[in-house]
PDB file of N, CA and C in Angstrom:
ATOM      1  N   MET A   1     107.157  15.464  39.172  1.00  0.00           N
ATOM      2  CA  MET A   1     106.689  15.706  40.502  1.00  0.00           C
ATOM      3  C   MET A   1     107.813  16.389  41.289  1.00  0.00           C
ATOM      4  N   ASN A   2     107.501  17.516  41.896  1.00  0.00           N
ATOM      5  CA  ASN A   2     108.540  18.236  42.617  1.00  0.00           C
ATOM      6  C   ASN A   2     108.544  17.862  44.099  1.00  0.00           C
ATOM      7  N   ALA A   3     109.543  18.331  44.808  1.00  0.00           N
ATOM      8  CA  ALA A   3     109.746  17.938  46.195  1.00  0.00           C
ATOM      9  C   ALA A   3     108.616  18.421  47.094  1.00  0.00           C
ATOM     10  N   GLU A   4     108.071  19.592  46.819  1.00  0.00           N
ATOM     11  CA  GLU A   4     106.984  20.113  47.647  1.00  0.00           C
ATOM     12  C   GLU A   4     105.769  19.198  47.594  1.00  0.00           C
ATOM     13  N   ASP A   5     105.439  18.728  46.403  1.00  0.00           N
ATOM     14  CA  ASP A   5     104.306  17.810  46.263  1.00  0.00           C
ATOM     15  C   ASP A   5     104.567  16.512  47.018  1.00  0.00           C
ATOM     16  N   LEU A   6     105.786  16.018  46.939  1.00  0.00           N
ATOM     17  CA  LEU A   6     106.120  14.760  47.600  1.00  0.00           C
ATOM     18  C   LEU A   6     106.115  14.903  49.120  1.00  0.00           C
ATOM     19  N   ARG A   7     106.559  16.040  49.623  1.00  0.00           N
ATOM     20  CA  ARG A   7     106.595  16.243  51.073  1.00  0.00           C
ATOM     21  C   ARG A   7     105.187  16.271  51.677  1.00  0.00           C
ATOM     22  N   ALA A   8     104.199  16.624  50.883  1.00  0.00           N
ATOM     23  CA  ALA A   8     102.819  16.675  51.359  1.00  0.00           C
ATOM     24  C   ALA A   8     102.190  15.286  51.441  1.00  0.00           C
ATOM     25  N   LYS A   9     102.826  14.298  50.862  1.00  0.00           N
ATOM     26  CA  LYS A   9     102.282  12.931  50.839  1.00  0.00           C
ATOM     27  C   LYS A   9     102.646  12.173  52.108  1.00  0.00           C
ATOM     28  N   SER A  10     101.868  11.140  52.393  1.00  0.00           N
ATOM     29  CA  SER A  10     102.169  10.271  53.527  1.00  0.00           C
ATOM     30  C   SER A  10     103.180   9.219  53.090  1.00  0.00           C
ATOM     31  N   ILE A  11     103.659   8.456  54.051  1.00  0.00           N
ATOM     32  CA  ILE A  11     104.644   7.413  53.761  1.00  0.00           C
ATOM     33  C   ILE A  11     104.057   6.372  52.807  1.00  0.00           C
ATOM     34  N   ASP A  12     102.821   5.960  53.038  1.00  0.00           N
ATOM     35  CA  ASP A  12     102.197   4.962  52.171  1.00  0.00           C
ATOM     36  C   ASP A  12     102.022   5.487  50.745  1.00  0.00           C
ATOM     37  N   GLU A  13     101.667   6.753  50.616  1.00  0.00           N
ATOM     38  CA  GLU A  13     101.515   7.339  49.291  1.00  0.00           C
ATOM     39  C   GLU A  13     102.858   7.418  48.572  1.00  0.00           C
ATOM     40  N   LEU A  14     103.913   7.732  49.309  1.00  0.00           N
ATOM     41  CA  LEU A  14     105.247   7.792  48.709  1.00  0.00           C
ATOM     42  C   LEU A  14     105.688   6.420  48.200  1.00  0.00           C
ATOM     43  N   ILE A  15     105.397   5.394  48.968  1.00  0.00           N
ATOM     44  CA  ILE A  15     105.748   4.037  48.543  1.00  0.00           C
ATOM     45  C   ILE A  15     105.015   3.684  47.257  1.00  0.00           C
ATOM     46  N   LYS A  16     103.726   4.038  47.173  1.00  0.00           N
ATOM     47  CA  LYS A  16     102.949   3.768  45.963  1.00  0.00           C
ATOM     48  C   LYS A  16     103.511   4.548  44.773  1.00  0.00           C
ATOM     49  N   ILE A  17     103.920   5.786  44.984  1.00  0.00           N
ATOM     50  CA  ILE A  17     104.502   6.601  43.915  1.00  0.00           C
ATOM     51  C   ILE A  17     105.799   5.972  43.417  1.00  0.00           C
ATOM     52  N   ILE A  18     106.632   5.502  44.346  1.00  0.00           N
ATOM     53  CA  ILE A  18     107.899   4.878  43.962  1.00  0.00           C
ATOM     54  C   ILE A  18     107.643   3.625  43.128  1.00  0.00           C
ATOM     55  N   ILE A  19     106.677   2.829  43.525  1.00  0.00           N
ATOM     56  CA  ILE A  19     106.347   1.617  42.770  1.00  0.00           C
ATOM     57  C   ILE A  19     105.882   1.976  41.362  1.00  0.00           C
ATOM     58  N   ASP A  20     105.022   2.989  41.255  1.00  0.00           N
ATOM     59  CA  ASP A  20     104.538   3.406  39.936  1.00  0.00           C
ATOM     60  C   ASP A  20     105.670   3.938  39.061  1.00  0.00           C
ATOM     61  N   LEU A  21     106.562   4.717  39.654  1.00  0.00           N
ATOM     62  CA  LEU A  21     107.686   5.251  38.897  1.00  0.00           C
ATOM     63  C   LEU A  21     108.624   4.142  38.426  1.00  0.00           C
ATOM     64  N   ARG A  22     108.821   3.128  39.255  1.00  0.00           N
ATOM     65  CA  ARG A  22     109.676   2.011  38.844  1.00  0.00           C
ATOM     66  C   ARG A  22     109.056   1.233  37.681  1.00  0.00           C
ATOM     67  N   LYS A  23     107.717   1.112  37.690  1.00  0.00           N
ATOM     68  CA  LYS A  23     107.045   0.451  36.572  1.00  0.00           C
ATOM     69  C   LYS A  23     107.231   1.259  35.291  1.00  0.00           C
ATOM     70  N   GLU A  24     107.097   2.582  35.398  1.00  0.00           N
ATOM     71  CA  GLU A  24     107.316   3.440  34.239  1.00  0.00           C
ATOM     72  C   GLU A  24     108.762   3.329  33.746  1.00  0.00           C
ATOM     73  N   GLN A  25     109.693   3.272  34.674  1.00  0.00           N
ATOM     74  CA  GLN A  25     111.106   3.157  34.310  1.00  0.00           C
ATOM     75  C   GLN A  25     111.363   1.847  33.578  1.00  0.00           C
ATOM     76  N   PHE A  26     110.794   0.771  34.079  1.00  0.00           N
ATOM     77  CA  PHE A  26     110.958  -0.522  33.429  1.00  0.00           C
ATOM     78  C   PHE A  26     110.414  -0.483  32.005  1.00  0.00           C
ATOM     79  N   ASN A  27     109.211   0.064  31.860  1.00  0.00           N
ATOM     80  CA  ASN A  27     108.600   0.134  30.531  1.00  0.00           C
ATOM     81  C   ASN A  27     109.430   0.994  29.579  1.00  0.00           C
ATOM     82  N   ALA A  28     109.970   2.090  30.084  1.00  0.00           N
ATOM     83  CA  ALA A  28     110.793   2.962  29.242  1.00  0.00           C
ATOM     84  C   ALA A  28     112.074   2.250  28.807  1.00  0.00           C
ATOM     85  N   ARG A  29     112.691   1.523  29.733  1.00  0.00           N
ATOM     86  CA  ARG A  29     113.907   0.783  29.374  1.00  0.00           C
ATOM     87  C   ARG A  29     113.594  -0.299  28.350  1.00  0.00           C
ATOM     88  N   PHE A  30     112.459  -0.936  28.507  1.00  0.00           N
ATOM     89  CA  PHE A  30     112.056  -1.980  27.567  1.00  0.00           C
ATOM     90  C   PHE A  30     111.825  -1.382  26.183  1.00  0.00           C
ATOM     91  N   GLN A  31     111.152  -0.233  26.134  1.00  0.00           N
ATOM     92  CA  GLN A  31     110.919   0.434  24.853  1.00  0.00           C
ATOM     93  C   GLN A  31     112.230   0.877  24.221  1.00  0.00           C
ATOM     94  N   LYS A  32     113.172   1.328  25.048  1.00  0.00           N
ATOM     95  CA  LYS A  32     114.472   1.753  24.520  1.00  0.00           C
ATOM     96  C   LYS A  32     115.191   0.569  23.884  1.00  0.00           C
ATOM     97  N   ALA A  33     115.123  -0.572  24.523  1.00  0.00           N
ATOM     98  CA  ALA A  33     115.784  -1.765  23.994  1.00  0.00           C
ATOM     99  C   ALA A  33     115.163  -2.186  22.663  1.00  0.00           C
ATOM    100  N   GLN A  34     113.870  -1.973  22.517  1.00  0.00           N
ATOM    101  CA  GLN A  34     113.191  -2.315  21.269  1.00  0.00           C
ATOM    102  C   GLN A  34     113.391  -1.255  20.197  1.00  0.00           C
ATOM    103  N   GLY A  35     113.821  -0.074  20.619  1.00  0.00           N
ATOM    104  CA  GLY A  35     114.010   1.009  19.669  1.00  0.00           C
ATOM    105  C   GLY A  35     112.759   1.823  19.416  1.00  0.00           C
ATOM    106  N   SER A  36     111.755   1.677  20.282  1.00  0.00           N
ATOM    107  CA  SER A  36     110.494   2.397  20.070  1.00  0.00           C
ATOM    108  C   SER A  36     110.290   3.547  21.057  1.00  0.00           C
ATOM    109  N   LEU A  37     111.304   3.865  21.853  1.00  0.00           N
ATOM    110  CA  LEU A  37     111.179   4.957  22.815  1.00  0.00           C
ATOM    111  C   LEU A  37     111.407   6.282  22.104  1.00  0.00           C
ATOM    112  N   GLU A  38     110.407   7.162  22.163  1.00  0.00           N
ATOM    113  CA  GLU A  38     110.517   8.448  21.479  1.00  0.00           C
ATOM    114  C   GLU A  38     111.207   9.495  22.345  1.00  0.00           C
ATOM    115  N   ASN A  39     110.895   9.508  23.629  1.00  0.00           N
ATOM    116  CA  ASN A  39     111.447  10.518  24.523  1.00  0.00           C
ATOM    117  C   ASN A  39     112.499   9.857  25.415  1.00  0.00           C
ATOM    118  N   THR A  40     113.749   9.918  25.011  1.00  0.00           N
ATOM    119  CA  THR A  40     114.805   9.245  25.769  1.00  0.00           C
ATOM    120  C   THR A  40     115.091   9.939  27.095  1.00  0.00           C
ATOM    121  N   ALA A  41     114.715  11.194  27.234  1.00  0.00           N
ATOM    122  CA  ALA A  41     114.922  11.917  28.487  1.00  0.00           C
ATOM    123  C   ALA A  41     114.003  11.384  29.584  1.00  0.00           C
ATOM    124  N   GLN A  42     112.994  10.642  29.207  1.00  0.00           N
ATOM    125  CA  GLN A  42     112.048  10.086  30.177  1.00  0.00           C
ATOM    126  C   GLN A  42     112.752   9.153  31.160  1.00  0.00           C
ATOM    127  N   ILE A  43     113.727   8.400  30.700  1.00  0.00           N
ATOM    128  CA  ILE A  43     114.457   7.474  31.564  1.00  0.00           C
ATOM    129  C   ILE A  43     115.171   8.246  32.659  1.00  0.00           C
ATOM    130  N   ARG A  44     115.839   9.316  32.284  1.00  0.00           N
ATOM    131  CA  ARG A  44     116.562  10.141  33.250  1.00  0.00           C
ATOM    132  C   ARG A  44     115.608  10.817  34.230  1.00  0.00           C
ATOM    133  N   LYS A  45     114.485  11.311  33.737  1.00  0.00           N
ATOM    134  CA  LYS A  45     113.498  11.967  34.600  1.00  0.00           C
ATOM    135  C   LYS A  45     112.925  10.981  35.614  1.00  0.00           C
ATOM    136  N   ASN A  46     112.634   9.762  35.151  1.00  0.00           N
ATOM    137  CA  ASN A  46     112.100   8.748  36.063  1.00  0.00           C
ATOM    138  C   ASN A  46     113.113   8.381  37.135  1.00  0.00           C
ATOM    139  N   ARG A  47     114.374   8.225  36.725  1.00  0.00           N
ATOM    140  CA  ARG A  47     115.413   7.865  37.684  1.00  0.00           C
ATOM    141  C   ARG A  47     115.554   8.941  38.766  1.00  0.00           C
ATOM    142  N   ARG A  48     115.530  10.175  38.367  1.00  0.00           N
ATOM    143  CA  ARG A  48     115.662  11.266  39.331  1.00  0.00           C
ATOM    144  C   ARG A  48     114.411  11.422  40.199  1.00  0.00           C
ATOM    145  N   ALA A  49     113.243  11.183  39.622  1.00  0.00           N
ATOM    146  CA  ALA A  49     112.012  11.251  40.401  1.00  0.00           C
ATOM    147  C   ALA A  49     111.981  10.149  41.459  1.00  0.00           C
ATOM    148  N   ILE A  50     112.464   8.971  41.105  1.00  0.00           N
ATOM    149  CA  ILE A  50     112.538   7.872  42.073  1.00  0.00           C
ATOM    150  C   ILE A  50     113.490   8.248  43.202  1.00  0.00           C
ATOM    151  N   ALA A  51     114.639   8.785  42.863  1.00  0.00           N
ATOM    152  CA  ALA A  51     115.617   9.180  43.881  1.00  0.00           C
ATOM    153  C   ALA A  51     115.045  10.259  44.793  1.00  0.00           C
ATOM    154  N   ARG A  52     114.341  11.218  44.216  1.00  0.00           N
ATOM    155  CA  ARG A  52     113.736  12.293  45.002  1.00  0.00           C
ATOM    156  C   ARG A  52     112.701  11.727  45.975  1.00  0.00           C
ATOM    157  N   ALA A  53     111.852  10.833  45.479  1.00  0.00           N
ATOM    158  CA  ALA A  53     110.807  10.243  46.316  1.00  0.00           C
ATOM    159  C   ALA A  53     111.414   9.385  47.428  1.00  0.00           C
ATOM    160  N   LYS A  54     112.467   8.630  47.108  1.00  0.00           N
ATOM    161  CA  LYS A  54     113.108   7.794  48.121  1.00  0.00           C
ATOM    162  C   LYS A  54     113.789   8.639  49.190  1.00  0.00           C
ATOM    163  N   THR A  55     114.377   9.753  48.789  1.00  0.00           N
ATOM    164  CA  THR A  55     115.025  10.646  49.745  1.00  0.00           C
ATOM    165  C   THR A  55     114.005  11.204  50.731  1.00  0.00           C
ATOM    166  N   ILE A  56     112.886  11.667  50.216  1.00  0.00           N
ATOM    167  CA  ILE A  56     111.849  12.227  51.081  1.00  0.00           C
ATOM    168  C   ILE A  56     111.238  11.143  51.956  1.00  0.00           C
ATOM    169  N   LEU A  57     111.079   9.944  51.414  1.00  0.00           N
ATOM    170  CA  LEU A  57     110.558   8.827  52.203  1.00  0.00           C
ATOM    171  C   LEU A  57     111.486   8.528  53.377  1.00  0.00           C
ATOM    172  N   ASN A  58     112.788   8.495  53.125  1.00  0.00           N
ATOM    173  CA  ASN A  58     113.745   8.234  54.204  1.00  0.00           C
ATOM    174  C   ASN A  58     113.739   9.357  55.237  1.00  0.00           C
ATOM    175  N   GLN A  59     113.591  10.595  54.794  1.00  0.00           N
ATOM    176  CA  GLN A  59     113.516  11.716  55.730  1.00  0.00           C
ATOM    177  C   GLN A  59     112.291  11.587  56.620  1.00  0.00           C
ATOM    178  N   LYS A  60     111.163  11.225  56.037  1.00  0.00           N
ATOM    179  CA  LYS A  60     109.938  11.066  56.822  1.00  0.00           C
ATOM    180  C   LYS A  60     110.069   9.922  57.831  1.00  0.00           C
ATOM    181  N   ARG A  61     110.718   8.833  57.417  1.00  0.00           N
ATOM    182  CA  ARG A  61     110.915   7.716  58.340  1.00  0.00           C
ATOM    183  C   ARG A  61     111.834   8.114  59.497  1.00  0.00           C
ATOM    184  N   GLN A  62     112.872   8.901  59.215  1.00  0.00           N
ATOM    185  CA  GLN A  62     113.768   9.371  60.270  1.00  0.00           C
ATOM    186  C   GLN A  62     113.027  10.293  61.232  1.00  0.00           C
ATOM    187  N   GLU A  63     112.181  11.175  60.702  1.00  0.00           N
ATOM    188  CA  GLU A  63     111.385  12.058  61.554  1.00  0.00           C
ATOM    189  C   GLU A  63     110.460  11.249  62.448  1.00  0.00           C
ATOM    190  N   GLU A  64     109.875  10.212  61.884  1.00  0.00           N
ATOM    191  CA  GLU A  64     108.964   9.363  62.636  1.00  0.00           C
ATOM    192  C   GLU A  64     109.700   8.659  63.766  1.00  0.00           C
ATOM    193  N   LYS A  65     110.905   8.146  63.483  1.00  0.00           N
ATOM    194  CA  LYS A  65     111.707   7.471  64.501  1.00  0.00           C
ATOM    195  C   LYS A  65     112.109   8.442  65.609  1.00  0.00           C
ATOM    196  N   SER A  66     112.519   9.648  65.238  1.00  0.00           N
ATOM    197  CA  SER A  66     112.978  10.595  66.254  1.00  0.00           C
ATOM    198  C   SER A  66     111.806  11.073  67.103  1.00  0.00           C
ATOM    199  N   SER A  67     110.615  11.191  66.543  1.00  0.00           N
ATOM    200  CA  SER A  67     109.462  11.622  67.326  1.00  0.00           C
ATOM    201  C   SER A  67     109.034  10.524  68.309  1.00  0.00           C
ATOM    202  N   VAL A  68     109.221   9.257  67.916  1.00  0.00           N
ATOM    203  CA  VAL A  68     108.888   8.143  68.805  1.00  0.00           C
ATOM    204  C   VAL A  68     109.887   8.103  69.976  1.00  0.00           C
ATOM    205  N   LYS A  69     111.164   8.337  69.685  1.00  0.00           N
ATOM    206  CA  LYS A  69     112.182   8.327  70.727  1.00  0.00           C
ATOM    207  C   LYS A  69     111.966   9.471  71.720  1.00  0.00           C
ATOM    208  N   LYS A  70     111.571  10.633  71.224  1.00  0.00           N
ATOM    209  CA  LYS A  70     111.338  11.781  72.109  1.00  0.00           C
ATOM    210  C   LYS A  70     110.122  11.565  72.992  1.00  0.00           C
ATOM    211  N   ALA A  71     109.121  10.865  72.475  1.00  0.00           N
ATOM    212  CA  ALA A  71     107.898  10.618  73.237  1.00  0.00           C
ATOM    213  C   ALA A  71     108.145   9.595  74.347  1.00  0.00           C
ATOM    214  N   ALA A  72     109.108   8.718  74.165  1.00  0.00           N
ATOM    215  CA  ALA A  72     109.362   7.667  75.150  1.00  0.00           C
ATOM    216  C   ALA A  72     110.247   8.130  76.243  1.00  0.00           C
TER     217      ALA A  72
END
Protein backbone atom coordinates (compact mmCIF):
# COMPACT_ATOMS: atom_id res chain seq x y z
CA MET A 1 0.00 0.00 0.00
CA ASN A 2 1.52 3.31 -1.02
CA ALA A 3 1.27 6.68 0.68
CA GLU A 4 -1.23 8.11 -1.81
CA ASP A 5 -3.71 5.33 -1.07
CA LEU A 6 -3.26 5.82 2.67
CA ARG A 7 -3.71 9.59 2.49
CA ALA A 8 -7.13 9.07 0.89
CA LYS A 9 -8.31 7.05 3.90
CA SER A 10 -10.00 8.40 7.01
CA ILE A 11 -8.51 8.15 10.48
CA ASP A 12 -10.74 5.19 11.38
CA GLU A 13 -9.77 3.35 8.20
CA LEU A 14 -6.08 3.94 8.92
CA ILE A 15 -6.46 2.49 12.40
CA LYS A 16 -8.14 -0.61 10.94
CA ILE A 17 -5.34 -0.97 8.36
CA ILE A 18 -2.69 -0.73 11.09
CA ILE A 19 -4.43 -3.41 13.13
CA ASP A 20 -4.64 -5.71 10.10
CA LEU A 21 -0.99 -5.15 9.24
CA ARG A 22 0.07 -5.93 12.81
CA LYS A 23 -1.88 -9.20 12.65
CA GLU A 24 -0.10 -10.08 9.41
CA GLN A 25 3.24 -9.17 10.99
CA PHE A 26 2.55 -11.39 13.98
CA ASN A 27 1.60 -14.31 11.76
CA ALA A 28 4.71 -13.84 9.61
CA ARG A 29 6.97 -13.76 12.67
CA PHE A 30 5.28 -16.89 13.99
CA GLN A 31 5.79 -18.67 10.67
CA LYS A 32 9.43 -17.58 10.62
CA ALA A 33 9.98 -19.05 14.07
CA GLN A 34 8.47 -22.34 12.90
CA GLY A 35 10.56 -22.29 9.75
CA SER A 36 7.57 -22.29 7.41
CA LEU A 37 7.81 -18.70 6.14
CA GLU A 38 8.51 -18.74 2.40
CA ASN A 39 8.76 -15.01 1.74
CA THR A 40 11.05 -13.54 4.39
CA ALA A 41 10.82 -10.07 2.81
CA GLN A 42 7.19 -9.98 3.94
CA ILE A 43 8.26 -9.14 7.50
CA ARG A 44 10.20 -6.09 6.32
CA LYS A 45 7.38 -4.97 4.01
CA ASN A 46 4.83 -5.24 6.83
CA ARG A 47 7.05 -3.30 9.22
CA ARG A 48 7.49 -0.48 6.73
CA ALA A 49 3.80 -0.45 5.79
CA ILE A 50 2.89 -0.11 9.47
CA ALA A 51 5.34 2.77 9.88
CA ARG A 52 3.97 4.48 6.76
CA ALA A 53 0.37 4.14 7.96
CA LYS A 54 1.24 5.39 11.46
CA THR A 55 3.07 8.40 10.03
CA ILE A 56 0.09 9.39 7.90
CA LEU A 57 -2.28 8.78 10.81
CA ASN A 58 -0.24 11.14 13.01
CA GLN A 59 -0.17 13.76 10.25
CA LYS A 60 -3.95 13.59 9.91
CA ARG A 61 -4.40 13.91 13.68
CA GLN A 62 -2.11 16.97 13.73
CA GLU A 63 -4.09 18.54 10.87
CA GLU A 64 -7.30 17.87 12.75
CA LYS A 65 -5.93 19.50 15.92
CA SER A 66 -4.66 22.57 14.06
CA SER A 67 -7.98 23.03 12.24
CA VAL A 68 -9.85 22.88 15.57
CA LYS A 69 -7.51 25.49 17.09
CA LYS A 70 -7.95 27.82 14.10
CA ALA A 71 -11.73 27.52 14.28
CA ALA A 72 -11.78 28.47 17.96
